[in-house]
């Protein structure tokens, strides 16, 4: 698909129903998820950082931009960028970086209310100014890129749900196309969030079991992502097998996917 077609398809996915947006961490995992039939993908900052041997948030802006360009080139699916805090605090600097992110070919990008330097989050007024700046940058480009605004407070204190919802409502008013508060898990809180920002779609992060896709769809959730969870599963399998090797056994290698299977998947894909 052309870039404009990818972006139009991504926009359409948010209009009704519920879709899963799994998070690849490199070109191969992106192509594998396309092979499995998913409709769109999202990058994961943690998953990408681990491929570089770094902790989450450690990679520089240009490293992330290069990674996004690789993901977009690797797949025919639309890609949503986990763009962290936008690698800038000031709204005007954030707007510049949003333009750089759009140039990689993403169909959407998320901006957190996390401070670039130091711990903590931006207050609501400043966080809203940042979302307005990101919205203005997208509008000025003329590109149909979806803006996702993230309120990260529940990752610091899971009890502050009403504060997270309040921020999301303000982000929606500032022009965000999709709202996202990582850490929402309780049914009543998810439903309250969906109602508060309607008709804007809500993204829910799933780290493990608890809700099914159908459960979340019934709550009114439009899209579901998994963050670094798939990457953690892959790293976990490697760690377990490597620990067995260190202990003297190669039995853990028996759980691997046959090379013939992987070659068949990637060998049968165009590009």
Protein backbone atom coordinates (compact mmCIF):
# COMPACT_ATOMS: atom_id res chain seq x y z
CA UNK A 1 0.00 0.00 0.00
CA UNK A 2 1.02 3.61 -0.46
CA UNK A 3 1.68 5.68 2.64
CA UNK A 4 -1.56 7.60 2.20
CA UNK A 5 -3.44 4.31 1.93
CA UNK A 6 -1.81 3.01 5.12
CA UNK A 7 -2.81 6.15 6.97
CA UNK A 8 -6.37 6.08 5.66
CA UNK A 9 -6.69 2.43 6.63
CA UNK A 10 -5.39 3.18 10.12
CA UNK A 11 -7.86 6.03 10.55
CA UNK A 12 -10.71 3.78 9.44
CA UNK A 13 -9.82 1.12 12.01
CA UNK A 14 -10.59 3.62 14.79
CA UNK A 15 -14.10 4.44 13.60
CA UNK A 16 -15.92 1.35 14.82
CA UNK A 17 -15.37 -2.04 16.41
CA UNK A 18 -12.22 -3.08 18.25
CA UNK A 19 -8.82 -4.11 16.86
CA UNK A 20 -5.59 -5.40 18.34
CA UNK A 21 -2.41 -3.44 17.71
CA UNK A 22 0.48 -5.79 18.62
CA UNK A 23 3.93 -4.32 19.22
CA UNK A 24 6.90 -5.65 17.23
CA UNK A 25 10.42 -4.70 18.28
CA UNK A 26 12.30 -5.18 15.01
CA UNK A 27 11.73 -5.75 11.30
CA UNK A 28 11.42 -9.52 11.60
CA UNK A 29 8.80 -9.42 14.35
CA UNK A 30 6.87 -6.80 12.36
CA UNK A 31 6.80 -9.03 9.30
CA UNK A 32 5.82 -12.05 11.38
CA UNK A 33 2.84 -10.17 12.84
CA UNK A 34 1.79 -9.11 9.36
CA UNK A 35 2.00 -12.76 8.28
CA UNK A 36 -0.33 -13.71 11.14
CA UNK A 37 -3.01 -11.36 9.81
CA UNK A 38 -3.03 -8.39 12.16
CA UNK A 39 -4.40 -5.17 10.68
CA UNK A 40 -1.94 -2.67 12.17
CA UNK A 41 1.14 -2.52 14.38
CA UNK A 42 2.64 -0.25 17.02
CA UNK A 43 6.26 0.16 18.00
CA UNK A 44 7.38 -0.45 21.58
CA UNK A 45 9.99 1.79 23.14
CA UNK A 46 11.06 -0.86 25.64
CA UNK A 47 11.22 -3.65 23.07
CA UNK A 48 13.33 -1.49 20.76
CA UNK A 49 15.62 -0.37 23.61
CA UNK A 50 16.34 -3.97 24.60
CA UNK A 51 17.45 -4.81 21.05
CA UNK A 52 20.12 -2.13 21.55
CA UNK A 53 21.13 -3.51 24.95
CA UNK A 54 19.67 -0.45 26.66
CA UNK A 55 16.91 0.28 29.16
CA UNK A 56 13.60 1.82 28.13
CA UNK A 57 13.86 5.59 27.46
CA UNK A 58 17.65 5.33 26.96
CA UNK A 59 17.81 5.36 23.11
CA UNK A 60 18.28 8.79 21.54
CA UNK A 61 15.71 10.44 19.32
CA UNK A 62 17.56 9.66 16.10
CA UNK A 63 17.87 5.99 17.07
CA UNK A 64 14.11 5.83 17.54
CA UNK A 65 13.45 7.65 14.27
CA UNK A 66 15.66 5.18 12.40
CA UNK A 67 13.85 2.29 14.08
CA UNK A 68 10.45 3.69 13.08
CA UNK A 69 11.58 4.08 9.48
CA UNK A 70 12.73 0.45 9.45
CA UNK A 71 9.42 -0.83 10.84
CA UNK A 72 7.39 1.19 8.34
CA UNK A 73 9.53 -0.08 5.45
CA UNK A 74 9.33 -3.70 6.64
CA UNK A 75 5.56 -4.09 6.53
CA UNK A 76 2.51 -3.19 4.47
CA UNK A 77 0.60 -2.52 7.67
CA UNK A 78 0.10 0.92 9.22
CA UNK A 79 2.44 1.57 12.15
CA UNK A 80 1.72 3.63 15.25
CA UNK A 81 4.85 5.09 16.84
CA UNK A 82 5.53 4.84 20.55
CA UNK A 83 7.20 8.26 20.54
CA UNK A 84 7.59 8.48 24.31
CA UNK A 85 7.53 12.11 25.49
CA UNK A 86 8.48 13.36 22.04
CA UNK A 87 12.13 13.85 23.09
CA UNK A 88 11.38 17.43 24.15
CA UNK A 89 9.59 19.23 26.95
CA UNK A 90 8.84 22.60 25.31
CA UNK A 91 5.79 22.48 22.99
CA UNK A 92 7.66 24.18 20.14
CA UNK A 93 10.49 21.64 20.30
CA UNK A 94 8.01 18.79 20.55
CA UNK A 95 6.33 20.01 17.36
CA UNK A 96 9.64 19.78 15.49
CA UNK A 97 10.16 16.21 16.64
CA UNK A 98 6.62 15.24 15.71
CA UNK A 99 7.38 16.39 12.17
CA UNK A 100 10.50 14.18 12.16
CA UNK A 101 8.42 11.22 13.34
CA UNK A 102 5.84 11.72 10.60
CA UNK A 103 8.62 11.68 8.02
CA UNK A 104 9.46 8.06 8.94
CA UNK A 105 6.15 6.89 7.45
CA UNK A 106 4.12 6.24 10.59
CA UNK A 107 0.33 6.28 10.46
CA UNK A 108 -0.01 7.41 14.07
CA UNK A 109 2.13 8.50 16.98
CA UNK A 110 1.68 8.69 20.73
CA UNK A 111 2.91 11.43 23.03
CA UNK A 112 3.27 10.90 26.78
CA UNK A 113 2.93 13.49 29.52
CA UNK A 114 6.28 12.31 30.93
CA UNK A 115 9.09 14.81 31.45
CA UNK A 116 12.14 14.25 29.26
CA UNK A 117 14.61 15.12 32.00
CA UNK A 118 14.03 13.97 35.56
CA UNK A 119 11.24 11.98 37.14
CA UNK A 120 7.60 12.87 37.11
CA UNK A 121 4.90 14.10 34.80
CA UNK A 122 3.95 17.43 33.29
CA UNK A 123 1.02 19.16 34.97
CA UNK A 124 -2.24 19.17 33.05
CA UNK A 125 -1.99 22.67 31.61
CA UNK A 126 1.51 22.14 30.22
CA UNK A 127 0.70 18.61 29.02
CA UNK A 128 -2.32 19.99 27.15
CA UNK A 129 -0.15 22.69 25.55
CA UNK A 130 2.15 19.95 24.30
CA UNK A 131 -0.72 18.00 22.75
CA UNK A 132 -1.96 21.19 21.07
CA UNK A 133 1.52 21.70 19.63
CA UNK A 134 1.63 18.13 18.33
CA UNK A 135 -1.84 18.58 16.80
CA UNK A 136 -0.76 21.79 15.12
CA UNK A 137 2.36 20.13 13.68
CA UNK A 138 0.30 17.32 12.19
CA UNK A 139 -2.30 19.70 10.78
CA UNK A 140 0.38 21.93 9.26
CA UNK A 141 1.88 18.94 7.46
CA UNK A 142 -1.38 18.11 5.72
CA UNK A 143 -0.77 14.45 6.52
CA UNK A 144 -3.46 12.18 7.96
CA UNK A 145 -1.48 10.99 10.98
CA UNK A 146 -3.40 9.95 14.10
CA UNK A 147 -2.37 11.64 17.34
CA UNK A 148 -2.54 9.49 20.48
CA UNK A 149 -2.26 11.27 23.83
CA UNK A 150 -1.08 9.27 26.83
CA UNK A 151 -1.60 9.97 30.53
CA UNK A 152 1.03 7.99 32.43
CA UNK A 153 -0.07 8.67 36.00
CA UNK A 154 -1.45 5.19 36.67
CA UNK A 155 2.02 3.74 36.15
CA UNK A 156 3.10 5.85 39.15
CA UNK A 157 -0.05 5.45 41.28
CA UNK A 158 -2.75 3.00 40.19
CA UNK A 159 -5.36 4.64 42.45
CA UNK A 160 -5.47 7.98 40.61
CA UNK A 161 -7.92 6.91 37.94
CA UNK A 162 -10.10 10.03 38.09
CA UNK A 163 -7.01 12.20 37.59
CA UNK A 164 -5.99 10.15 34.56
CA UNK A 165 -9.47 10.44 33.07
CA UNK A 166 -9.48 14.19 33.67
CA UNK A 167 -6.24 14.53 31.74
CA UNK A 168 -7.50 12.38 28.90
CA UNK A 169 -10.60 14.53 28.55
CA UNK A 170 -8.39 17.61 28.34
CA UNK A 171 -6.21 15.89 25.73
CA UNK A 172 -9.28 15.06 23.66
CA UNK A 173 -10.33 18.71 23.79
CA UNK A 174 -6.82 19.67 22.67
CA UNK A 175 -7.15 17.61 19.50
CA UNK A 176 -5.96 14.09 20.31
CA UNK A 177 -7.49 11.47 18.03
CA UNK A 178 -7.12 8.58 20.49
CA UNK A 179 -6.69 8.46 24.27
CA UNK A 180 -4.51 6.12 26.27
CA UNK A 181 -3.85 5.68 30.00
CA UNK A 182 -1.54 2.68 30.56
CA UNK A 183 -2.52 0.91 33.76
CA UNK A 184 -6.30 0.92 33.33
CA UNK A 185 -7.36 -2.59 34.28
CA UNK A 186 -10.69 -2.56 36.15
CA UNK A 187 -13.83 -2.92 34.07
CA UNK A 188 -15.59 0.01 35.71
CA UNK A 189 -12.60 2.29 35.17
CA UNK A 190 -12.26 1.33 31.52
CA UNK A 191 -15.96 1.93 30.89
CA UNK A 192 -15.78 5.29 32.68
CA UNK A 193 -12.83 6.32 30.53
CA UNK A 194 -14.55 5.31 27.30
CA UNK A 195 -17.63 7.31 28.26
CA UNK A 196 -15.64 10.35 29.36
CA UNK A 197 -13.81 10.85 26.06
CA UNK A 198 -16.51 9.59 23.67
CA UNK A 199 -16.69 9.62 20.71
CA UNK A 200 -12.86 9.58 20.65
CA UNK A 201 -11.46 6.03 20.71
CA UNK A 202 -9.60 4.61 23.71
CA UNK A 203 -6.50 2.38 23.63
CA UNK A 204 -6.09 -0.17 26.41
CA UNK A 205 -2.73 -1.76 27.23
CA UNK A 206 -2.78 -5.47 28.01
CA UNK A 207 0.30 -6.96 29.73
CA UNK A 208 -1.24 -10.38 30.36
CA UNK A 209 -4.51 -12.13 31.07
CA UNK A 210 -7.53 -10.58 32.74
CA UNK A 211 -9.64 -9.39 29.82
CA UNK A 212 -10.19 -10.91 26.39
CA UNK A 213 -10.53 -8.95 23.18
CA UNK A 214 -14.28 -9.52 23.33
CA UNK A 215 -14.42 -8.29 26.94
CA UNK A 216 -12.73 -5.03 25.99
CA UNK A 217 -14.87 -4.64 22.88
CA UNK A 218 -17.97 -5.01 25.03
CA UNK A 219 -16.65 -2.18 27.24
CA UNK A 220 -16.43 0.10 24.20
CA UNK A 221 -12.65 -0.07 23.74
CA UNK A 222 -11.62 0.56 20.12
CA UNK A 223 -8.01 -0.62 20.14
CA UNK A 224 -5.75 -2.83 22.25
CA UNK A 225 -1.95 -2.85 22.40
CA UNK A 226 0.51 -4.97 24.36
CA UNK A 227 3.52 -2.66 24.73
CA UNK A 228 6.72 -4.58 25.41
CA UNK A 229 4.89 -7.77 26.45
CA UNK A 230 5.63 -9.75 23.28
CA UNK A 231 9.28 -8.72 23.48
CA UNK A 232 9.36 -9.86 27.11
CA UNK A 233 7.94 -13.24 26.09
CA UNK A 234 10.68 -13.62 23.47
CA UNK A 235 13.45 -12.51 25.85
CA UNK A 236 12.02 -14.78 28.55
CA UNK A 237 12.24 -17.81 26.27
CA UNK A 238 15.84 -16.99 25.42
CA UNK A 239 16.80 -16.38 29.05
CA UNK A 240 15.30 -19.68 30.15
CA UNK A 241 17.01 -21.65 27.38
CA UNK A 242 20.35 -19.90 27.96
CA UNK A 243 20.20 -20.59 31.69
CA UNK A 244 19.63 -24.28 30.94
CA UNK A 245 22.65 -24.28 28.61
CA UNK A 246 24.74 -22.64 31.31
CA UNK A 247 23.62 -25.40 33.68
CA UNK A 248 24.68 -28.03 31.16
CA UNK A 249 21.46 -28.93 29.33
CA UNK A 250 20.35 -28.12 25.78
CA UNK A 251 16.78 -29.34 26.32
CA UNK A 252 15.41 -25.80 26.28
CA UNK A 253 16.32 -25.48 22.62
CA UNK A 254 13.70 -28.12 21.79
CA UNK A 255 10.94 -25.51 22.27
CA UNK A 256 12.21 -23.33 19.42
CA UNK A 257 10.30 -22.85 16.17
CA UNK A 258 11.90 -24.93 13.39
CA UNK A 259 14.11 -22.94 11.07
CA UNK A 260 12.18 -24.37 8.12
CA UNK A 261 9.01 -22.78 9.48
CA UNK A 262 10.62 -19.36 9.89
CA UNK A 263 12.26 -19.53 6.46
CA UNK A 264 8.92 -20.49 4.96
CA UNK A 265 7.22 -17.49 6.54
CA UNK A 266 9.79 -14.91 5.55
CA UNK A 267 10.68 -16.54 2.25
CA UNK A 268 7.08 -16.38 1.17
CA UNK A 269 6.68 -12.66 1.85
CA UNK A 270 7.34 -10.03 -0.80
CA UNK A 271 10.02 -7.40 -0.19
